[in-house]
Every structure is written in structure tokens, then in C-alpha cells.
């Protein structure tokens, strides 16, 4: 199941380095507590710290800011359902 989740995230992942050679678990662990940018299906963009994922590929972010149509707001902790994630990028 972990392999399925990481493959889903990997398919949406826009690499900022060459860590695509890692095993699924190592790849997910390398993203923990890193700043990420997630674009969702309705056009919103979330910036936050990647805390974890679940068996459905949802991303849980902390210290999150939501950007929507040029406006932003702090939303603290969010769960973004995997089915709505269009792009996922990790920022060092």
C-alpha cells in the first residue's frame, strides 16, 4: 500500500533534485517536514510543511498558506485528498 501511495505522489511530483532513484518509503521520508507546494484540481495552491500521507494518497500539511485567485490566507493544518492533487513539488 505504501508503494501505491508513493507511486501516486511520485507521478505528480515535480523534482527539484535527483532523488527519484530512492525507494518509495525513503522518498516519502525524505519529504517529511519539508516545504511543499501542492496544486489542486480547483486551481488553488497550498504551501506548507509536509507532515504525512495516508492510505488514499492524501497529503497532510502544517503551517499552510492557501493561494486562490491572487488572494492568500493562512489555514494552519490541512488535509488535501489525493484525488484532488494535480502537482506536488518539494522545496528545500
Protein backbone atom coordinates (compact mmCIF):
# COMPACT_ATOMS: atom_id res chain seq x y z
CA UNK A 1 0.00 0.00 0.00
CA UNK A 2 2.86 2.41 0.82
CA UNK A 3 4.30 1.69 -2.61
CA UNK A 4 0.98 2.64 -4.28
CA UNK A 5 0.81 5.92 -2.37
CA UNK A 6 4.38 6.89 -3.17
CA UNK A 7 3.89 5.97 -6.85
CA UNK A 8 0.82 8.23 -7.00
CA UNK A 9 2.71 11.10 -5.36
CA UNK A 10 5.78 10.38 -7.49
CA UNK A 11 3.68 10.68 -10.66
CA UNK A 12 2.58 14.18 -9.56
CA UNK A 13 5.96 15.15 -8.12
CA UNK A 14 7.91 17.88 -9.88
CA UNK A 15 11.51 17.05 -8.86
CA UNK A 16 13.75 19.79 -7.56
CA UNK A 17 16.67 17.37 -7.23
CA UNK A 18 17.64 13.89 -8.41
CA UNK A 19 16.14 11.86 -5.55
CA UNK A 20 13.82 9.91 -7.87
CA UNK A 21 16.15 6.89 -7.52
CA UNK A 22 15.06 6.31 -3.91
CA UNK A 23 12.80 3.53 -2.75
CA UNK A 24 9.18 4.59 -2.11
CA UNK A 25 9.48 4.69 1.67
CA UNK A 26 12.79 6.56 1.56
CA UNK A 27 11.33 9.05 -0.89
CA UNK A 28 8.33 9.80 1.35
CA UNK A 29 10.54 10.03 4.43
CA UNK A 30 12.85 12.48 2.64
CA UNK A 31 9.86 14.79 2.08
CA UNK A 32 8.78 14.85 5.76
CA UNK A 33 8.91 18.32 7.33
CA UNK A 34 9.98 19.86 4.02
CA UNK A 35 8.21 22.82 2.45
CA UNK A 36 5.95 21.70 -0.36
CA UNK A 37 3.74 23.30 -2.97
CA UNK A 38 0.56 21.47 -3.97
CA UNK A 39 -1.76 22.47 -6.80
CA UNK A 40 -5.27 21.02 -6.59
CA UNK A 41 -7.95 20.37 -9.20
CA UNK A 42 -9.97 23.52 -8.47
CA UNK A 43 -6.99 25.81 -9.11
CA UNK A 44 -5.97 26.52 -5.52
CA UNK A 45 -2.32 26.24 -4.47
CA UNK A 46 -1.18 25.27 -0.97
CA UNK A 47 2.27 25.99 0.52
CA UNK A 48 3.11 24.23 3.77
CA UNK A 49 5.23 21.68 5.64
CA UNK A 50 4.61 18.09 4.54
CA UNK A 51 3.72 16.13 7.69
CA UNK A 52 2.40 12.81 6.40
CA UNK A 53 0.20 10.97 3.97
CA UNK A 54 -2.47 8.32 4.35
CA UNK A 55 -3.50 5.14 2.55
CA UNK A 56 -5.50 7.15 -0.02
CA UNK A 57 -2.62 9.42 -1.02
CA UNK A 58 -3.91 12.45 0.86
CA UNK A 59 -1.27 14.98 1.92
CA UNK A 60 -1.33 16.49 5.40
CA UNK A 61 0.35 19.90 5.65
CA UNK A 62 1.12 22.13 8.63
CA UNK A 63 1.80 25.90 8.67
CA UNK A 64 -0.11 26.17 5.42
CA UNK A 65 -0.97 29.13 3.23
CA UNK A 66 -3.67 28.79 0.58
CA UNK A 67 -3.50 30.84 -2.63
CA UNK A 68 -6.73 31.25 -4.57
CA UNK A 69 -7.28 33.75 -7.39
CA UNK A 70 -4.50 36.07 -6.24
CA UNK A 71 -5.60 36.08 -2.59
CA UNK A 72 -3.92 34.18 0.20
CA UNK A 73 -4.90 33.08 3.67
CA UNK A 74 -3.27 31.13 6.46
CA UNK A 75 -5.12 27.89 7.07
CA UNK A 76 -2.70 26.21 9.52
CA UNK A 77 -3.12 22.43 9.13
CA UNK A 78 -4.91 20.92 6.13
CA UNK A 79 -5.68 17.53 4.65
CA UNK A 80 -5.66 17.57 0.85
CA UNK A 81 -7.36 14.50 -0.65
CA UNK A 82 -5.06 12.65 -3.03
CA UNK A 83 -7.69 12.56 -5.76
CA UNK A 84 -7.54 16.38 -5.98
CA UNK A 85 -3.74 16.75 -6.10
CA UNK A 86 -2.55 17.78 -9.56
CA UNK A 87 1.06 18.84 -8.83
CA UNK A 88 3.28 18.18 -5.86
CA UNK A 89 6.70 19.81 -5.51
CA UNK A 90 9.20 19.78 -2.67
CA UNK A 91 11.26 22.87 -1.88
CA UNK A 92 14.48 22.68 0.10
